[in-house]
Amino acid sequence: MKPRADWRPGLRKYPYGVRAMSAGAFWREDVRYEFSAHQIDLIESVADELHTMLREALRATVDGRALARLGVRGGVGRLLEASWNDYWAAGRLNERAGALIGRLTLAYDGRDSVKLLACNYDTPEGLFAASIIQRNWREALMGDANQFNGLHEGLVERWEELAAGMPGRGLVHLACATPDPMRESELVYLAATAAEAGIATHLLPLQSLGWDGQRFVDDEGRAASWLAKIYPWQGLADDAFLQKLRMGGMSMLSPLWCWPMSNHGLLATLWSLYPRHPNLCRAALDLEELSGCDAVTERSLFGLDDAAQRMTAHGSIVSDTGSAEYPGGRVWLETPPIFEEEGVHALLHCWIIGDKCLGMSVRESADPRVGSDAAMVPHIFRG
């Protein structure tokens, strides 16, 4: 497609558009991906099922006291179990202890193969571009087409669900480590959706979050009872912070149980629970269990979207981050068919709001890993 000379002015109609622009650093609109309504239905239903399966995999991990297999040990594991038990209370979901957003990375061949490659319920980034920039593009250039994108409305509704009837949730603090223009812009957008739900907001640098001996306080000295963060739990899960968290009673978005829901080792647990499931890749914590696979991806358990990773095919290295360390341990998975055309590889990011997939974005790159620096390009569907 011929892109707009500049997509940024189109965001000025949103009250938060200018302040959130930096979150669109990887946006590109010189191509579009077009789907049929049937394909969108397939992708949505697969994402919904995978979300439920991931939750079951974490439940099995906690019930089996197997968090150490995911590199989570000691006091962190005990607090994580408590966080999960708050959410999965007596076998019933406590939605007020649930997550705000999650994101599944899917490999889709454009026909019938949809495979889960990764999940991120901890700090999934790219939401503003997927929700607002993508919507604005469609309204400006493809007004006669549809788009799988109910993300903004879903976020507002989810904030309302999380806050309703909960003391201390009339105000949410939102934080990331600064300076970081992209994450700060994502927070601006999240704060706008919370405000639309009637929740007061306060943005601050994560390093400005203080402790007065009994509770967390913000940069103005106010108590921080509810914190939404764009910062990985891996960087927060030290004894000092977690001890204060337990004493101070601050609720977190994402809750601590979202950390293992973003652990690449959970893919191996999924495969053991649902062997030969059509939407899963063969995955294991021992390479020998993947004998006979022509294409294999080796990935660190920790690292979210920037995990250490090596992809091989028929014994030859296809792509490698070059890291000598694999934090948390390693998982191996059979690399599924990934859409490729003219040397460009594409993956889908399916966004979970609460417990439902409400939208998607397409990421593409010449690198088959399609990492966090991949371009985000728009999509539509017809029919």
Protein backbone atom coordinates (compact mmCIF):
# COMPACT_ATOMS: atom_id res chain seq x y z
CA MET A 1 0.00 0.00 0.00
CA LYS A 2 0.97 3.62 -0.33
CA PRO A 3 1.42 4.79 3.28
CA ARG A 4 0.26 8.13 4.56
CA ALA A 5 2.94 10.79 4.46
CA ASP A 6 2.69 10.89 8.25
CA TRP A 7 0.31 8.81 10.38
CA ARG A 8 0.94 10.82 13.56
CA PRO A 9 -1.38 13.80 12.92
CA GLY A 10 -4.31 11.40 12.73
CA LEU A 11 -3.84 10.63 16.43
CA ARG A 12 -4.46 14.21 17.52
CA LYS A 13 -8.20 13.61 17.65
CA TYR A 14 -7.67 11.37 20.69
CA PRO A 15 -7.10 13.23 23.99
CA TYR A 16 -4.12 10.99 24.73
CA GLY A 17 -2.92 10.59 21.13
CA VAL A 18 -0.01 13.00 21.13
CA ARG A 19 1.40 11.82 24.47
CA ALA A 20 1.13 8.17 23.43
CA MET A 21 2.70 8.52 19.97
CA SER A 22 6.07 7.10 20.94
CA ALA A 23 4.41 3.73 21.51
CA GLY A 24 4.02 3.51 17.73
CA ALA A 25 7.75 3.46 17.00
CA PHE A 26 7.49 0.16 15.09
CA TRP A 27 4.29 0.99 13.19
CA ARG A 28 4.51 0.65 9.40
CA GLU A 29 1.71 0.86 6.86
CA ASP A 30 3.26 0.26 3.45
CA VAL A 31 1.69 -3.22 3.50
CA ARG A 32 -1.50 -4.71 4.88
CA TYR A 33 -2.60 -8.24 5.64
CA GLU A 34 -6.08 -9.20 4.51
CA PHE A 35 -8.05 -12.06 6.05
CA SER A 36 -11.42 -13.65 5.50
CA ALA A 37 -14.06 -13.64 8.22
CA HIS A 38 -13.61 -17.41 8.49
CA GLN A 39 -9.89 -16.99 9.16
CA ILE A 40 -10.56 -14.41 11.86
CA ASP A 41 -13.10 -16.74 13.50
CA LEU A 42 -10.49 -19.51 13.50
CA ILE A 43 -7.77 -17.32 15.00
CA GLU A 44 -10.11 -15.94 17.68
CA SER A 45 -11.40 -19.36 18.73
CA VAL A 46 -7.88 -20.82 18.86
CA ALA A 47 -6.63 -17.91 20.99
CA ASP A 48 -9.54 -18.30 23.41
CA GLU A 49 -8.89 -22.03 23.78
CA LEU A 50 -5.15 -21.54 24.24
CA HIS A 51 -5.77 -18.95 26.94
CA THR A 52 -7.87 -21.46 28.89
CA MET A 53 -5.25 -24.18 28.37
CA LEU A 54 -2.47 -21.92 29.63
CA ARG A 55 -4.41 -21.24 32.80
CA GLU A 56 -4.85 -24.99 33.28
CA ALA A 57 -1.13 -25.52 32.72
CA LEU A 58 -0.31 -23.02 35.45
CA ARG A 59 -2.87 -24.60 37.78
CA ALA A 60 -1.24 -28.01 37.23
CA THR A 61 2.19 -26.48 37.86
CA VAL A 62 1.15 -24.86 41.14
CA ASP A 63 -0.85 -27.89 42.33
CA GLY A 64 2.08 -30.16 41.50
CA ARG A 65 4.53 -27.83 43.25
CA ALA A 66 6.56 -27.75 40.06
CA LEU A 67 7.39 -24.03 39.86
CA ALA A 68 11.08 -24.90 40.23
CA ARG A 69 10.90 -26.48 36.77
CA LEU A 70 10.16 -22.98 35.49
CA GLY A 71 13.14 -21.49 37.33
CA VAL A 72 11.01 -20.08 40.18
CA ARG A 73 12.33 -21.07 43.60
CA GLY A 74 12.31 -20.22 47.28
CA GLY A 75 10.21 -17.49 48.82
CA VAL A 76 9.19 -16.16 45.43
CA GLY A 77 7.51 -19.48 44.71
CA ARG A 78 5.51 -19.37 47.93
CA LEU A 79 4.28 -15.85 47.25
CA LEU A 80 3.46 -16.82 43.70
CA GLU A 81 1.38 -19.73 44.95
CA ALA A 82 -0.49 -17.34 47.25
CA SER A 83 -1.13 -15.00 44.32
CA TRP A 84 -2.48 -17.87 42.23
CA ASN A 85 -4.65 -19.18 45.08
CA ASP A 86 -6.17 -15.73 45.44
CA TYR A 87 -7.12 -15.86 41.76
CA TRP A 88 -8.13 -19.54 41.66
CA ALA A 89 -10.01 -19.40 44.95
CA ALA A 90 -11.39 -22.83 45.92
CA GLY A 91 -11.50 -23.83 42.28
CA ARG A 92 -13.43 -20.73 41.23
CA LEU A 93 -12.04 -17.72 39.43
CA ASN A 94 -11.72 -14.52 41.43
CA GLU A 95 -11.77 -12.06 38.53
CA ARG A 96 -10.78 -9.15 40.81
CA ALA A 97 -7.42 -10.92 41.26
CA GLY A 98 -7.10 -11.48 37.53
CA ALA A 99 -4.99 -9.88 34.85
CA LEU A 100 -5.75 -6.83 32.73
CA ILE A 101 -4.18 -7.97 29.46
CA GLY A 102 -2.24 -10.84 27.96
CA ARG A 103 -0.80 -11.54 24.55
CA LEU A 104 -0.34 -14.77 22.63
CA THR A 105 2.15 -15.08 19.78
CA LEU A 106 0.84 -17.40 17.08
CA ALA A 107 2.39 -18.83 13.95
CA TYR A 108 -0.24 -18.98 11.20
CA ASP A 109 0.45 -20.32 7.73
CA GLY A 110 -2.54 -18.53 6.18
CA ARG A 111 -4.49 -21.76 5.75
CA ASP A 112 -5.17 -24.14 8.62
CA SER A 113 -2.06 -24.31 10.83
CA VAL A 114 -2.19 -22.11 13.94
CA LYS A 115 0.47 -22.80 16.57
CA LEU A 116 1.29 -21.14 19.90
CA LEU A 117 4.85 -19.80 20.01
CA ALA A 118 4.84 -17.69 23.18
CA CYS A 119 2.63 -16.04 25.79
CA ASN A 120 3.14 -12.81 27.70
CA TYR A 121 0.78 -11.86 30.52
CA ASP A 122 3.46 -9.89 32.37
CA THR A 123 4.44 -6.85 30.28
CA PRO A 124 2.96 -7.26 26.79
CA GLU A 125 3.84 -4.19 24.77
CA GLY A 126 2.42 -2.91 21.49
CA LEU A 127 -1.11 -2.42 22.78
CA PHE A 128 -1.53 1.23 21.78
CA ALA A 129 -0.45 0.53 18.19
CA ALA A 130 -2.65 -2.57 17.98
CA SER A 131 -5.67 -0.77 19.41
CA ILE A 132 -5.61 2.88 18.36
CA ILE A 133 -3.03 3.38 15.60
CA GLN A 134 -4.35 0.35 13.73
CA ARG A 135 -7.96 1.52 14.16
CA ASN A 136 -7.10 5.02 12.99
CA TRP A 137 -5.40 3.57 9.88
CA ARG A 138 -8.51 1.57 8.99
CA GLU A 139 -10.82 4.56 9.49
CA ALA A 140 -8.58 6.77 7.33
CA LEU A 141 -7.73 4.37 4.50
CA MET A 142 -9.95 1.28 4.61
CA GLY A 143 -13.28 2.50 5.92
CA ASP A 144 -15.25 -0.11 3.97
CA ALA A 145 -13.39 -3.05 5.60
CA ASN A 146 -13.58 -4.73 8.98
CA GLN A 147 -10.83 -5.20 11.53
CA PHE A 148 -10.52 -7.63 14.44
CA ASN A 149 -10.05 -4.91 17.02
CA GLY A 150 -12.32 -4.47 20.01
CA LEU A 151 -9.37 -3.72 22.26
CA HIS A 152 -10.18 -0.19 23.42
CA GLU A 153 -13.75 -0.94 24.47
CA GLY A 154 -12.60 -4.20 26.06
CA LEU A 155 -9.95 -2.43 28.12
CA VAL A 156 -12.42 0.09 29.49
CA GLU A 157 -14.86 -2.68 30.44
CA ARG A 158 -12.07 -4.69 32.05
CA TRP A 159 -10.98 -1.74 34.20
CA GLU A 160 -14.58 -1.39 35.35
CA GLU A 161 -14.72 -5.08 36.29
CA LEU A 162 -11.46 -4.91 38.23
CA ALA A 163 -12.45 -1.82 40.20
CA ALA A 164 -16.15 -2.42 40.90
CA GLY A 165 -16.85 -2.63 44.62
CA MET A 166 -13.16 -2.93 45.55
CA PRO A 167 -11.85 -0.60 48.30
CA GLY A 168 -8.67 1.19 47.28
CA ARG A 169 -9.30 0.85 43.56
CA GLY A 170 -10.68 4.29 42.93
CA LEU A 171 -7.10 5.31 42.10
CA VAL A 172 -4.55 3.35 40.11
CA HIS A 173 -0.87 4.21 39.92
CA LEU A 174 0.85 3.35 36.65
CA ALA A 175 4.62 3.00 36.47
CA CYS A 176 7.60 1.90 34.43
CA ALA A 177 11.32 2.47 34.77
CA THR A 178 12.20 5.81 33.18
CA PRO A 179 13.37 7.23 30.90
CA ASP A 180 11.70 4.89 28.41
CA PRO A 181 9.59 6.77 25.84
CA MET A 182 7.82 3.70 24.42
CA ARG A 183 6.73 2.25 27.76
CA GLU A 184 5.84 5.67 29.14
CA SER A 185 3.60 6.17 26.10
CA GLU A 186 1.97 2.78 26.64
CA LEU A 187 1.21 3.85 30.21
CA VAL A 188 -0.39 7.07 28.97
CA TYR A 189 -2.79 4.97 26.90
CA LEU A 190 -3.52 2.52 29.71
CA ALA A 191 -4.19 5.45 32.04
CA ALA A 192 -6.61 6.93 29.50
CA THR A 193 -8.62 3.69 29.35
CA ALA A 194 -8.71 3.53 33.15
CA ALA A 195 -9.90 7.14 33.32
CA GLU A 196 -12.61 6.35 30.79
CA ALA A 197 -13.76 3.64 33.21
CA GLY A 198 -14.06 6.26 35.96
CA ILE A 199 -10.82 5.43 37.78
CA ALA A 200 -8.44 8.17 38.87
CA THR A 201 -4.88 7.70 37.62
CA HIS A 202 -1.38 8.79 38.56
CA LEU A 203 1.68 8.09 36.41
CA LEU A 204 5.11 7.96 37.99
CA PRO A 205 8.57 6.50 37.43
CA LEU A 206 8.83 3.08 39.02
CA GLN A 207 12.00 4.20 40.79
CA SER A 208 9.97 6.95 42.49
CA LEU A 209 7.77 4.42 44.28
CA GLY A 210 8.67 4.78 47.94
CA TRP A 211 8.18 2.89 51.20
CA ASP A 212 7.29 4.68 54.44
CA GLY A 213 7.85 1.67 56.68
CA GLN A 214 4.30 0.37 56.42
CA ARG A 215 3.10 0.91 52.87
CA PHE A 216 4.13 1.97 49.39
CA VAL A 217 3.80 5.67 48.63
CA ASP A 218 3.99 7.65 45.38
CA ASP A 219 6.13 10.65 44.50
CA GLU A 220 3.61 12.93 46.21
CA GLY A 221 3.53 10.93 49.45
CA ARG A 222 0.13 9.34 48.81
CA ALA A 223 -0.49 5.67 49.54
CA ALA A 224 -0.24 3.47 46.46
CA SER A 225 -2.76 0.68 46.95
CA TRP A 226 -3.10 -0.42 43.31
CA LEU A 227 -0.20 -0.43 40.85
CA ALA A 228 -0.24 -1.20 37.12
CA LYS A 229 3.29 -1.73 35.87
CA ILE A 230 5.10 -2.13 32.60
CA TYR A 231 8.14 -3.78 34.09
CA PRO A 232 8.92 -7.51 34.22
CA TRP A 233 8.37 -9.43 37.43
CA GLN A 234 11.80 -10.94 36.90
CA GLY A 235 13.26 -7.55 37.82
CA LEU A 236 11.00 -7.10 40.87
CA ALA A 237 11.00 -10.57 42.37
CA ASP A 238 13.64 -9.98 45.03
CA ASP A 239 13.08 -10.66 48.70
CA ALA A 240 13.04 -7.00 49.78
CA PHE A 241 10.34 -5.88 47.35
CA LEU A 242 8.19 -8.97 47.83
CA GLN A 243 8.38 -8.70 51.63
CA LYS A 244 7.21 -5.08 51.42
CA LEU A 245 4.48 -6.09 48.99
CA ARG A 246 3.19 -8.67 51.43
CA MET A 247 3.29 -6.20 54.32
CA GLY A 248 1.95 -3.19 52.45
CA GLY A 249 -1.05 -4.82 50.80
CA MET A 250 -0.60 -3.18 47.40
CA SER A 251 -2.49 -4.91 44.57
CA MET A 252 -0.54 -5.42 41.36
CA LEU A 253 -1.44 -5.46 37.69
CA SER A 254 -0.25 -7.86 36.48
CA PRO A 255 -0.50 -10.05 39.61
CA LEU A 256 2.52 -12.18 40.47
CA TRP A 257 0.89 -15.31 39.00
CA CYS A 258 1.19 -13.68 35.57
CA TRP A 259 4.96 -14.17 35.74
CA PRO A 260 4.88 -17.96 35.15
CA MET A 261 2.06 -17.38 32.63
CA SER A 262 4.76 -15.58 30.64
CA ASN A 263 7.42 -18.24 31.17
CA HIS A 264 8.50 -20.03 28.00
CA GLY A 265 8.85 -23.27 29.96
CA LEU A 266 5.07 -23.36 30.28
CA LEU A 267 5.02 -24.47 26.62
CA ALA A 268 6.55 -27.78 27.73
CA THR A 269 3.92 -28.16 30.43
CA LEU A 270 1.20 -27.48 27.88
CA TRP A 271 2.52 -30.18 25.56
CA SER A 272 2.66 -32.72 28.40
CA LEU A 273 -0.96 -31.93 29.34
CA TYR A 274 -2.30 -31.74 25.78
CA PRO A 275 -0.04 -33.98 23.64
CA ARG A 276 -0.63 -33.75 19.89
CA HIS A 277 -2.99 -30.80 20.29
CA PRO A 278 -3.22 -29.21 16.83
CA ASN A 279 -2.44 -25.71 18.09
CA LEU A 280 0.63 -26.59 20.14
CA CYS A 281 4.24 -27.18 19.16
CA ARG A 282 6.09 -30.16 20.54
CA ALA A 283 7.99 -28.71 23.49
CA ALA A 284 10.20 -30.08 26.25
CA LEU A 285 12.74 -29.06 28.88
CA ASP A 286 15.05 -31.79 27.53
CA LEU A 287 16.25 -31.66 23.93
CA GLU A 288 16.28 -35.46 23.66
CA GLU A 289 12.49 -35.48 23.90
CA LEU A 290 12.37 -33.65 20.55
CA SER A 291 14.35 -36.24 18.64
CA GLY A 292 13.31 -36.44 15.00
CA CYS A 293 12.37 -32.76 14.69
CA ASP A 294 13.88 -31.10 11.62
CA ALA A 295 13.47 -27.54 12.94
CA VAL A 296 13.98 -26.66 16.60
CA THR A 297 13.85 -23.42 18.58
CA GLU A 298 15.87 -23.21 21.80
CA ARG A 299 14.76 -20.44 24.15
CA SER A 300 15.47 -19.23 27.68
CA LEU A 301 12.64 -19.59 30.19
CA PHE A 302 12.93 -15.94 31.23
CA GLY A 303 13.17 -12.94 28.96
CA LEU A 304 9.63 -12.40 27.66
CA ASP A 305 9.79 -11.04 24.10
CA ASP A 306 13.58 -10.70 24.20
CA ALA A 307 14.45 -14.16 25.46
CA ALA A 308 17.76 -15.67 24.41
CA GLN A 309 16.92 -17.82 21.41
CA ARG A 310 18.50 -20.02 18.74
CA MET A 311 16.64 -21.49 15.77
CA THR A 312 18.07 -24.43 13.82
CA ALA A 313 16.84 -26.34 10.79
CA HIS A 314 18.36 -29.65 9.70
CA GLY A 315 21.24 -28.98 12.08
CA SER A 316 22.11 -25.53 10.70
CA ILE A 317 21.59 -22.28 12.63
CA VAL A 318 18.86 -20.16 11.06
CA SER A 319 18.79 -17.36 13.62
CA ASP A 320 20.60 -16.74 16.90
CA THR A 321 20.53 -13.95 19.47
CA GLY A 322 24.13 -14.84 20.24
CA SER A 323 23.55 -14.99 23.98
CA ALA A 324 25.79 -17.25 26.05
CA GLU A 325 23.29 -17.25 28.91
CA TYR A 326 19.77 -18.63 29.03
CA PRO A 327 18.17 -17.10 32.16
CA GLY A 328 15.94 -19.46 34.12
CA GLY A 329 16.93 -22.47 32.04
CA ARG A 330 15.99 -23.64 28.54
CA VAL A 331 13.03 -25.00 26.64
CA TRP A 332 13.12 -26.59 23.21
CA LEU A 333 10.18 -26.57 20.82
CA GLU A 334 9.61 -27.82 17.34
CA THR A 335 9.56 -24.78 15.07
CA PRO A 336 6.22 -24.70 13.22
CA PRO A 337 5.61 -23.35 9.71
CA ILE A 338 5.82 -19.55 9.85
CA PHE A 339 4.27 -17.40 7.15
CA GLU A 340 6.93 -16.17 4.73
CA GLU A 341 6.69 -14.18 1.54
CA GLU A 342 9.47 -12.43 -0.37
CA GLY A 343 11.90 -12.99 2.48
CA VAL A 344 9.59 -11.51 5.11
CA HIS A 345 8.28 -13.57 8.04
CA ALA A 346 5.04 -12.73 9.84
CA LEU A 347 3.47 -13.73 13.15
CA LEU A 348 0.22 -12.85 14.89
CA HIS A 349 -0.14 -11.19 18.27
CA CYS A 350 -3.53 -12.06 19.73
CA TRP A 351 -4.59 -9.86 22.62
CA ILE A 352 -6.45 -11.25 25.64
CA ILE A 353 -8.46 -8.76 27.68
CA GLY A 354 -9.60 -10.42 30.88
CA ASP A 355 -10.45 -13.87 29.55
CA LYS A 356 -11.32 -13.14 25.91
CA CYS A 357 -9.35 -12.53 22.74
CA LEU A 358 -10.57 -9.13 21.51
CA GLY A 359 -8.12 -8.21 18.78
CA MET A 360 -4.90 -8.96 16.97
CA SER A 361 -1.91 -7.36 15.30
CA VAL A 362 0.53 -8.59 12.67
CA ARG A 363 4.30 -8.38 13.23
CA GLU A 364 6.75 -8.96 10.41
CA SER A 365 10.50 -9.06 9.96
CA ALA A 366 13.22 -10.43 7.72
CA ASP A 367 14.47 -12.30 10.80
CA PRO A 368 12.47 -15.53 11.33
CA ARG A 369 12.42 -14.85 15.09
CA VAL A 370 10.17 -11.81 14.47
CA GLY A 371 11.37 -10.25 17.72
CA SER A 372 10.28 -7.23 19.73
CA ASP A 373 11.77 -4.87 17.14
CA ALA A 374 9.65 -6.33 14.31
CA ALA A 375 7.41 -3.97 12.38
CA MET A 376 3.74 -3.84 13.32
CA VAL A 377 1.57 -3.67 10.20
CA PRO A 378 -2.22 -3.32 9.84
CA HIS A 379 -4.79 -5.94 8.95
CA ILE A 380 -8.38 -6.04 7.74
CA PHE A 381 -10.89 -8.75 7.02
CA ARG A 382 -13.82 -9.03 4.65
CA GLY A 383 -16.86 -11.24 4.42
